[in-house]
Amino acid sequence: MMLSLLTIRKAIVALLRTKFPKTTYQVHFDNVEKSKAPYFYVELTPHANQTFDAIISERSIEVDVMYFGREDAQGNVKRSELYDVAEVLDALFRPVFFVEDRAITINEAQYRIVDEILHFTFALDFADAFTEEELSAWARTTTDLMQTLELNIDKEERTYGK
């Protein structure tokens, strides 16, 4: 079964909820302009889809989990809070990230702090296999099947040359 981006998003939110409750932390994928810190903003960037045959397709999706921490009265964010969140995120997502019936190994994750925003990034590299239903639905929408073929062969011997 193909993993959709929506399915991956739901798995990320469910995992974040295990350590960051909804009552305190929001998780956004868009429209964050009116959000109050602390909150997470997640970007999914598909990088590669490579098809090997009619059934198997390899995919790579970069995930960037951004954390916007609490600001003090001067508008500063404590770096120690960002470091703590980075460690929690690493423990949540690595070494294996579970999405539905899949277990995707995440060998490497990186974090960096830019403008007081924590960026925790990693790649989801996995293979999808189409189910028979997905293949037949794809075939119905992309191919024109021949309706009727009539063929008459006239069998007559002919000698060419001498």
N, C-alpha and C. Protein backbone atom coordinates (compact mmCIF):
# COMPACT_ATOMS: atom_id res chain seq x y z
N MET A 1 0.83 -1.17 0.00
CA MET A 1 0.00 0.00 0.00
C MET A 1 0.88 1.24 0.00
N MET A 2 0.49 2.21 -0.78
CA MET A 2 1.23 3.48 -0.84
C MET A 2 0.96 4.29 0.43
N LEU A 3 2.02 4.86 0.97
CA LEU A 3 1.88 5.76 2.11
C LEU A 3 1.64 7.17 1.60
N SER A 4 0.56 7.77 2.00
CA SER A 4 0.27 9.14 1.58
C SER A 4 0.93 10.12 2.55
N LEU A 5 1.11 11.34 2.08
CA LEU A 5 1.67 12.38 2.95
C LEU A 5 0.74 12.66 4.12
N LEU A 6 -0.56 12.54 3.90
CA LEU A 6 -1.52 12.75 4.98
C LEU A 6 -1.34 11.69 6.07
N THR A 7 -1.10 10.46 5.67
CA THR A 7 -0.88 9.38 6.63
C THR A 7 0.39 9.64 7.44
N ILE A 8 1.44 10.09 6.76
CA ILE A 8 2.69 10.40 7.45
C ILE A 8 2.48 11.57 8.42
N ARG A 9 1.74 12.58 7.99
CA ARG A 9 1.44 13.72 8.87
C ARG A 9 0.72 13.27 10.13
N LYS A 10 -0.27 12.42 9.98
CA LYS A 10 -1.02 11.93 11.13
C LYS A 10 -0.11 11.16 12.10
N ALA A 11 0.81 10.37 11.56
CA ALA A 11 1.73 9.62 12.41
C ALA A 11 2.67 10.55 13.16
N ILE A 12 3.12 11.62 12.51
CA ILE A 12 4.00 12.59 13.17
C ILE A 12 3.26 13.29 14.31
N VAL A 13 2.04 13.72 14.06
CA VAL A 13 1.26 14.39 15.10
C VAL A 13 1.00 13.45 16.27
N ALA A 14 0.62 12.21 15.99
CA ALA A 14 0.37 11.24 17.07
C ALA A 14 1.62 11.01 17.90
N LEU A 15 2.77 10.94 17.25
CA LEU A 15 4.02 10.73 17.98
C LEU A 15 4.37 11.94 18.83
N LEU A 16 4.22 13.14 18.28
CA LEU A 16 4.50 14.35 19.05
C LEU A 16 3.57 14.46 20.26
N ARG A 17 2.33 14.03 20.11
CA ARG A 17 1.36 14.11 21.21
C ARG A 17 1.75 13.23 22.40
N THR A 18 2.58 12.21 22.17
CA THR A 18 2.97 11.34 23.28
C THR A 18 3.84 12.08 24.30
N LYS A 19 4.58 13.11 23.88
CA LYS A 19 5.45 13.86 24.79
C LYS A 19 5.08 15.33 24.92
N PHE A 20 4.33 15.84 23.95
CA PHE A 20 3.96 17.26 23.94
C PHE A 20 2.43 17.35 23.84
N PRO A 21 1.74 17.47 24.97
CA PRO A 21 0.27 17.41 24.94
C PRO A 21 -0.37 18.57 24.18
N LYS A 22 -1.53 18.28 23.62
CA LYS A 22 -2.25 19.25 22.81
C LYS A 22 -2.66 20.49 23.61
N THR A 23 -2.85 20.32 24.89
CA THR A 23 -3.26 21.46 25.72
C THR A 23 -2.17 22.52 25.82
N THR A 24 -0.91 22.13 25.63
CA THR A 24 0.20 23.08 25.75
C THR A 24 0.85 23.39 24.41
N TYR A 25 0.96 22.39 23.55
CA TYR A 25 1.70 22.51 22.28
C TYR A 25 0.78 22.25 21.10
N GLN A 26 0.78 23.15 20.14
CA GLN A 26 0.05 22.94 18.91
C GLN A 26 1.01 22.39 17.85
N VAL A 27 0.46 21.66 16.88
CA VAL A 27 1.24 21.17 15.75
C VAL A 27 0.59 21.71 14.49
N HIS A 28 1.38 22.43 13.68
CA HIS A 28 0.84 23.05 12.47
C HIS A 28 1.60 22.55 11.24
N PHE A 29 0.87 22.52 10.13
CA PHE A 29 1.47 22.23 8.84
C PHE A 29 1.33 23.42 7.90
N ASP A 30 0.53 24.39 8.31
CA ASP A 30 0.39 25.65 7.59
C ASP A 30 -0.33 26.65 8.49
N ASN A 31 -0.45 27.90 8.05
CA ASN A 31 -1.16 28.96 8.77
C ASN A 31 -0.72 29.10 10.23
N VAL A 32 0.54 29.44 10.44
CA VAL A 32 1.06 29.57 11.79
C VAL A 32 1.20 31.02 12.24
N GLU A 33 0.77 31.96 11.43
CA GLU A 33 0.99 33.37 11.73
C GLU A 33 0.37 33.80 13.05
N LYS A 34 -0.76 33.23 13.42
CA LYS A 34 -1.46 33.66 14.63
C LYS A 34 -1.23 32.71 15.81
N SER A 35 -0.28 31.83 15.72
CA SER A 35 -0.03 30.85 16.77
C SER A 35 0.78 31.47 17.90
N LYS A 36 0.51 30.95 19.08
CA LYS A 36 1.26 31.39 20.26
C LYS A 36 2.22 30.28 20.64
N ALA A 37 3.46 30.66 20.94
CA ALA A 37 4.47 29.69 21.33
C ALA A 37 4.11 29.12 22.70
N PRO A 38 4.46 27.90 22.98
CA PRO A 38 5.27 27.01 22.15
C PRO A 38 4.40 26.23 21.16
N TYR A 39 4.98 25.97 19.98
CA TYR A 39 4.27 25.16 19.00
C TYR A 39 5.28 24.55 18.03
N PHE A 40 4.79 23.55 17.29
CA PHE A 40 5.59 22.88 16.26
C PHE A 40 5.01 23.24 14.90
N TYR A 41 5.90 23.40 13.94
CA TYR A 41 5.52 23.57 12.54
C TYR A 41 6.28 22.49 11.77
N VAL A 42 5.57 21.69 11.00
CA VAL A 42 6.19 20.55 10.31
C VAL A 42 6.08 20.74 8.81
N GLU A 43 7.21 20.57 8.12
CA GLU A 43 7.23 20.59 6.65
C GLU A 43 7.65 19.23 6.13
N LEU A 44 6.90 18.73 5.16
CA LEU A 44 7.24 17.49 4.47
C LEU A 44 7.61 17.85 3.04
N THR A 45 8.82 17.48 2.64
CA THR A 45 9.29 17.80 1.29
C THR A 45 9.67 16.52 0.56
N PRO A 46 8.82 16.06 -0.35
CA PRO A 46 9.19 14.88 -1.15
C PRO A 46 10.38 15.21 -2.04
N HIS A 47 11.39 14.34 -2.01
CA HIS A 47 12.60 14.59 -2.78
C HIS A 47 12.73 13.69 -3.99
N ALA A 48 12.38 12.43 -3.83
CA ALA A 48 12.60 11.51 -4.95
C ALA A 48 11.55 10.42 -4.94
N ASN A 49 11.07 10.11 -6.11
CA ASN A 49 10.23 8.94 -6.35
C ASN A 49 10.88 8.20 -7.50
N GLN A 50 11.32 7.01 -7.24
CA GLN A 50 11.98 6.24 -8.28
C GLN A 50 11.27 4.91 -8.42
N THR A 51 10.75 4.66 -9.61
CA THR A 51 10.01 3.43 -9.85
C THR A 51 10.93 2.41 -10.51
N PHE A 52 10.93 1.21 -9.95
CA PHE A 52 11.80 0.16 -10.48
C PHE A 52 11.05 -0.79 -11.40
N ASP A 53 9.79 -1.00 -11.13
CA ASP A 53 8.98 -1.85 -11.99
C ASP A 53 7.52 -1.45 -11.79
N ALA A 54 6.60 -2.25 -12.23
CA ALA A 54 5.19 -1.89 -12.14
C ALA A 54 4.66 -1.94 -10.71
N ILE A 55 5.44 -2.48 -9.79
CA ILE A 55 4.94 -2.67 -8.42
C ILE A 55 5.69 -1.83 -7.40
N ILE A 56 7.02 -1.76 -7.49
CA ILE A 56 7.85 -1.14 -6.44
C ILE A 56 8.26 0.28 -6.82
N SER A 57 8.11 1.17 -5.85
CA SER A 57 8.53 2.55 -6.02
C SER A 57 9.27 2.98 -4.76
N GLU A 58 10.47 3.52 -4.91
CA GLU A 58 11.24 4.01 -3.75
C GLU A 58 10.98 5.50 -3.59
N ARG A 59 10.79 5.92 -2.34
CA ARG A 59 10.46 7.31 -2.06
C ARG A 59 11.41 7.87 -1.00
N SER A 60 11.63 9.18 -1.08
CA SER A 60 12.42 9.89 -0.09
C SER A 60 11.70 11.19 0.25
N ILE A 61 11.45 11.39 1.54
CA ILE A 61 10.74 12.58 2.00
C ILE A 61 11.54 13.20 3.13
N GLU A 62 11.87 14.47 2.98
CA GLU A 62 12.56 15.18 4.06
C GLU A 62 11.53 15.75 5.02
N VAL A 63 11.77 15.52 6.30
CA VAL A 63 10.87 16.02 7.34
C VAL A 63 11.63 17.07 8.15
N ASP A 64 11.04 18.24 8.29
CA ASP A 64 11.63 19.31 9.10
C ASP A 64 10.61 19.66 10.19
N VAL A 65 10.93 19.26 11.42
CA VAL A 65 10.07 19.57 12.56
C VAL A 65 10.67 20.81 13.23
N MET A 66 9.96 21.91 13.13
CA MET A 66 10.44 23.16 13.72
C MET A 66 9.73 23.41 15.05
N TYR A 67 10.51 23.80 16.03
CA TYR A 67 9.94 24.09 17.34
C TYR A 67 10.15 25.57 17.66
N PHE A 68 9.04 26.24 17.96
CA PHE A 68 9.05 27.64 18.35
C PHE A 68 8.83 27.67 19.86
N GLY A 69 9.86 28.01 20.60
CA GLY A 69 9.80 27.97 22.06
C GLY A 69 9.17 29.20 22.68
N ARG A 70 9.03 29.11 23.99
CA ARG A 70 8.46 30.22 24.76
C ARG A 70 9.45 31.38 24.79
N GLU A 71 8.92 32.58 24.66
CA GLU A 71 9.76 33.77 24.75
C GLU A 71 9.62 34.39 26.12
N ASP A 72 10.72 34.96 26.63
CA ASP A 72 10.64 35.68 27.90
C ASP A 72 10.18 37.11 27.64
N ALA A 73 10.21 37.95 28.65
CA ALA A 73 9.71 39.32 28.52
C ALA A 73 10.48 40.13 27.49
N GLN A 74 11.74 39.80 27.28
CA GLN A 74 12.55 40.52 26.28
C GLN A 74 12.47 39.89 24.89
N GLY A 75 11.68 38.85 24.73
CA GLY A 75 11.53 38.21 23.43
C GLY A 75 12.60 37.17 23.13
N ASN A 76 13.32 36.73 24.15
CA ASN A 76 14.37 35.72 23.96
C ASN A 76 13.84 34.33 24.29
N VAL A 77 14.40 33.34 23.63
CA VAL A 77 14.05 31.95 23.87
C VAL A 77 15.25 31.30 24.55
N LYS A 78 14.99 30.49 25.58
CA LYS A 78 16.07 29.80 26.27
C LYS A 78 16.64 28.71 25.38
N ARG A 79 17.92 28.77 25.18
CA ARG A 79 18.58 27.73 24.37
C ARG A 79 18.47 26.37 25.04
N SER A 80 18.52 26.34 26.36
CA SER A 80 18.43 25.06 27.07
C SER A 80 17.10 24.36 26.77
N GLU A 81 16.01 25.13 26.61
CA GLU A 81 14.73 24.55 26.25
C GLU A 81 14.80 23.94 24.85
N LEU A 82 15.45 24.63 23.91
CA LEU A 82 15.57 24.12 22.55
C LEU A 82 16.41 22.84 22.52
N TYR A 83 17.49 22.80 23.31
CA TYR A 83 18.32 21.59 23.37
C TYR A 83 17.53 20.42 23.95
N ASP A 84 16.73 20.70 25.00
CA ASP A 84 15.93 19.63 25.62
C ASP A 84 14.91 19.08 24.63
N VAL A 85 14.25 19.96 23.89
CA VAL A 85 13.26 19.51 22.90
C VAL A 85 13.94 18.71 21.80
N ALA A 86 15.13 19.12 21.38
CA ALA A 86 15.88 18.38 20.35
C ALA A 86 16.16 16.96 20.80
N GLU A 87 16.54 16.79 22.04
CA GLU A 87 16.82 15.45 22.55
C GLU A 87 15.56 14.60 22.62
N VAL A 88 14.44 15.21 23.02
CA VAL A 88 13.18 14.47 23.07
C VAL A 88 12.75 14.06 21.66
N LEU A 89 12.88 14.97 20.69
CA LEU A 89 12.52 14.65 19.31
C LEU A 89 13.38 13.51 18.76
N ASP A 90 14.67 13.55 19.06
CA ASP A 90 15.56 12.48 18.59
C ASP A 90 15.13 11.13 19.16
N ALA A 91 14.79 11.11 20.44
CA ALA A 91 14.35 9.86 21.06
C ALA A 91 13.00 9.39 20.51
N LEU A 92 12.13 10.34 20.14
CA LEU A 92 10.82 9.97 19.60
C LEU A 92 10.92 9.35 18.20
N PHE A 93 11.69 9.98 17.34
CA PHE A 93 11.70 9.58 15.92
C PHE A 93 12.75 8.54 15.57
N ARG A 94 13.84 8.49 16.31
CA ARG A 94 14.90 7.57 15.97
C ARG A 94 15.00 6.46 17.00
N PRO A 95 15.44 5.31 16.66
CA PRO A 95 15.96 4.87 15.38
C PRO A 95 14.88 4.40 14.40
N VAL A 96 13.65 4.19 14.89
CA VAL A 96 12.61 3.67 14.01
C VAL A 96 11.36 4.53 14.16
N PHE A 97 10.81 4.95 13.03
CA PHE A 97 9.58 5.74 12.98
C PHE A 97 8.49 4.82 12.42
N PHE A 98 7.39 4.69 13.17
CA PHE A 98 6.31 3.80 12.77
C PHE A 98 5.18 4.58 12.11
N VAL A 99 4.79 4.13 10.91
CA VAL A 99 3.66 4.70 10.19
C VAL A 99 2.79 3.53 9.76
N GLU A 100 1.59 3.46 10.31
CA GLU A 100 0.67 2.36 10.06
C GLU A 100 1.39 1.03 10.26
N ASP A 101 1.48 0.22 9.20
CA ASP A 101 2.12 -1.09 9.34
C ASP A 101 3.61 -1.06 8.98
N ARG A 102 4.19 0.12 8.83
CA ARG A 102 5.58 0.27 8.41
C ARG A 102 6.47 0.65 9.60
N ALA A 103 7.69 0.20 9.52
CA ALA A 103 8.72 0.61 10.46
C ALA A 103 9.87 1.15 9.61
N ILE A 104 10.05 2.48 9.62
CA ILE A 104 11.04 3.13 8.77
C ILE A 104 12.24 3.50 9.64
N THR A 105 13.40 2.95 9.29
CA THR A 105 14.61 3.24 10.04
C THR A 105 15.13 4.62 9.66
N ILE A 106 15.42 5.42 10.66
CA ILE A 106 16.00 6.74 10.46
C ILE A 106 17.41 6.68 11.02
N ASN A 107 18.37 6.58 10.11
CA ASN A 107 19.76 6.43 10.53
C ASN A 107 20.37 7.73 11.02
N GLU A 108 19.92 8.83 10.47
CA GLU A 108 20.56 10.11 10.79
C GLU A 108 19.51 11.20 10.91
N ALA A 109 19.68 12.02 11.93
CA ALA A 109 18.85 13.22 12.11
C ALA A 109 19.78 14.36 12.49
N GLN A 110 19.38 15.54 12.11
CA GLN A 110 20.20 16.72 12.41
C GLN A 110 19.33 17.75 13.08
N TYR A 111 19.94 18.54 13.94
CA TYR A 111 19.21 19.69 14.44
C TYR A 111 20.11 20.90 14.43
N ARG A 112 19.46 22.03 14.20
CA ARG A 112 20.17 23.30 14.20
C ARG A 112 19.19 24.35 14.71
N ILE A 113 19.75 25.43 15.21
CA ILE A 113 18.93 26.52 15.72
C ILE A 113 19.20 27.74 14.85
N VAL A 114 18.13 28.24 14.22
CA VAL A 114 18.23 29.41 13.35
C VAL A 114 17.19 30.43 13.83
N ASP A 115 17.64 31.62 14.16
CA ASP A 115 16.74 32.69 14.63
C ASP A 115 15.86 32.22 15.78
N GLU A 116 16.47 31.50 16.72
CA GLU A 116 15.79 31.00 17.92
C GLU A 116 14.68 30.00 17.60
N ILE A 117 14.78 29.33 16.46
CA ILE A 117 13.84 28.28 16.08
C ILE A 117 14.63 26.99 15.91
N LEU A 118 14.20 25.94 16.59
CA LEU A 118 14.84 24.63 16.47
C LEU A 118 14.34 23.95 15.21
N HIS A 119 15.27 23.48 14.38
CA HIS A 119 14.94 22.68 13.19
C HIS A 119 15.48 21.28 13.42
N PHE A 120 14.59 20.31 13.53
CA PHE A 120 14.97 18.91 13.66
C PHE A 120 14.62 18.25 12.34
N THR A 121 15.62 17.83 11.57
CA THR A 121 15.38 17.31 10.22
C THR A 121 15.89 15.88 10.08
N PHE A 122 15.16 15.12 9.28
CA PHE A 122 15.56 13.75 8.96
C PHE A 122 14.88 13.36 7.66
N ALA A 123 15.36 12.28 7.07
CA ALA A 123 14.79 11.79 5.82
C ALA A 123 14.06 10.47 6.05
N LEU A 124 12.91 10.36 5.43
CA LEU A 124 12.18 9.10 5.40
C LEU A 124 12.47 8.46 4.05
N ASP A 125 13.23 7.39 4.04
CA ASP A 125 13.55 6.66 2.83
C ASP A 125 12.90 5.28 2.93
N PHE A 126 11.99 5.00 2.01
CA PHE A 126 11.26 3.74 2.08
C PHE A 126 10.78 3.34 0.70
N ALA A 127 10.36 2.10 0.59
CA ALA A 127 9.82 1.58 -0.67
C ALA A 127 8.33 1.33 -0.49
N ASP A 128 7.59 1.67 -1.53
CA ASP A 128 6.15 1.40 -1.57
C ASP A 128 5.91 0.30 -2.59
N ALA A 129 5.00 -0.56 -2.27
CA ALA A 129 4.57 -1.58 -3.23
C ALA A 129 3.09 -1.38 -3.48
N PHE A 130 2.72 -1.30 -4.74
CA PHE A 130 1.31 -1.12 -5.09
C PHE A 130 0.55 -2.41 -4.80
N THR A 131 -0.64 -2.28 -4.27
CA THR A 131 -1.51 -3.44 -4.10
C THR A 131 -2.17 -3.75 -5.43
N GLU A 132 -2.79 -4.91 -5.53
CA GLU A 132 -3.47 -5.28 -6.77
C GLU A 132 -4.60 -4.30 -7.09
N GLU A 133 -5.32 -3.83 -6.06
CA GLU A 133 -6.39 -2.85 -6.30
C GLU A 133 -5.83 -1.55 -6.85
N GLU A 134 -4.70 -1.08 -6.29
CA GLU A 134 -4.09 0.16 -6.77
C GLU A 134 -3.60 0.00 -8.21
N LEU A 135 -2.99 -1.15 -8.52
CA LEU A 135 -2.52 -1.39 -9.88
C LEU A 135 -3.67 -1.44 -10.88
N SER A 136 -4.75 -2.13 -10.52
CA SER A 136 -5.87 -2.24 -11.47
C SER A 136 -6.56 -0.89 -11.62
N ALA A 137 -6.66 -0.10 -10.55
CA ALA A 137 -7.25 1.25 -10.67
C ALA A 137 -6.37 2.12 -11.55
N TRP A 138 -5.07 2.03 -11.39
CA TRP A 138 -4.14 2.80 -12.22
C TRP A 138 -4.26 2.38 -13.68
N ALA A 139 -4.34 1.08 -13.92
CA ALA A 139 -4.42 0.58 -15.29
C ALA A 139 -5.72 1.04 -15.96
N ARG A 140 -6.81 1.08 -15.20
CA ARG A 140 -8.08 1.53 -15.78
C ARG A 140 -8.04 3.00 -16.18
N THR A 141 -7.29 3.79 -15.46
CA THR A 141 -7.27 5.22 -15.74
C THR A 141 -6.20 5.64 -16.73
N THR A 142 -5.20 4.80 -16.95
CA THR A 142 -4.08 5.23 -17.80
C THR A 142 -3.94 4.48 -19.10
N THR A 143 -4.70 3.42 -19.28
CA THR A 143 -4.54 2.65 -20.51
C THR A 143 -5.88 2.51 -21.22
N ASP A 144 -5.82 2.50 -22.54
CA ASP A 144 -7.00 2.22 -23.35
C ASP A 144 -6.92 0.77 -23.78
N LEU A 145 -7.91 0.02 -23.40
CA LEU A 145 -7.91 -1.39 -23.75
C LEU A 145 -8.58 -1.57 -25.11
N MET A 146 -8.05 -2.51 -25.88
CA MET A 146 -8.60 -2.80 -27.18
C MET A 146 -9.94 -3.51 -26.99
N GLN A 147 -10.92 -3.10 -27.75
CA GLN A 147 -12.24 -3.69 -27.61
C GLN A 147 -12.35 -4.99 -28.40
N THR A 148 -12.23 -4.91 -29.73
CA THR A 148 -12.37 -6.09 -30.57
C THR A 148 -11.32 -6.02 -31.67
N LEU A 149 -10.70 -7.13 -31.93
CA LEU A 149 -9.72 -7.21 -33.00
C LEU A 149 -10.13 -8.34 -33.93
N GLU A 150 -10.34 -8.01 -35.18
CA GLU A 150 -10.63 -9.02 -36.18
C GLU A 150 -9.43 -9.09 -37.09
N LEU A 151 -9.02 -10.31 -37.39
CA LEU A 151 -7.83 -10.50 -38.20
C LEU A 151 -8.10 -11.61 -39.22
N ASN A 152 -7.94 -11.29 -40.48
CA ASN A 152 -8.07 -12.27 -41.55
C ASN A 152 -6.70 -12.43 -42.18
N ILE A 153 -6.24 -13.66 -42.22
CA ILE A 153 -4.96 -13.94 -42.84
C ILE A 153 -5.22 -14.74 -44.12
N ASP A 154 -4.74 -14.19 -45.20
CA ASP A 154 -4.90 -14.84 -46.48
C ASP A 154 -3.66 -15.70 -46.69
N LYS A 155 -3.86 -17.01 -46.66
CA LYS A 155 -2.71 -17.90 -46.77
C LYS A 155 -2.56 -18.33 -48.22
N GLU A 156 -1.64 -17.71 -48.89
CA GLU A 156 -1.38 -18.03 -50.27
C GLU A 156 0.13 -18.14 -50.44
N GLU A 157 0.53 -19.24 -51.04
CA GLU A 157 1.96 -19.43 -51.25
C GLU A 157 2.41 -18.69 -52.48
N ARG A 158 3.46 -17.99 -52.31
CA ARG A 158 4.04 -17.26 -53.43
C ARG A 158 5.52 -17.57 -53.47
N THR A 159 6.03 -17.67 -54.62
CA THR A 159 7.44 -17.91 -54.82
C THR A 159 8.06 -16.67 -55.39
N TYR A 160 9.06 -16.19 -54.72
CA TYR A 160 9.77 -15.01 -55.18
C TYR A 160 11.13 -15.42 -55.72
N GLY A 161 11.58 -14.68 -56.62
CA GLY A 161 12.91 -14.97 -57.15
C GLY A 161 12.85 -15.77 -58.43
N LYS A 162 13.67 -16.81 -58.57
CA LYS A 162 13.83 -17.59 -59.79
C LYS A 162 12.57 -18.17 -60.28
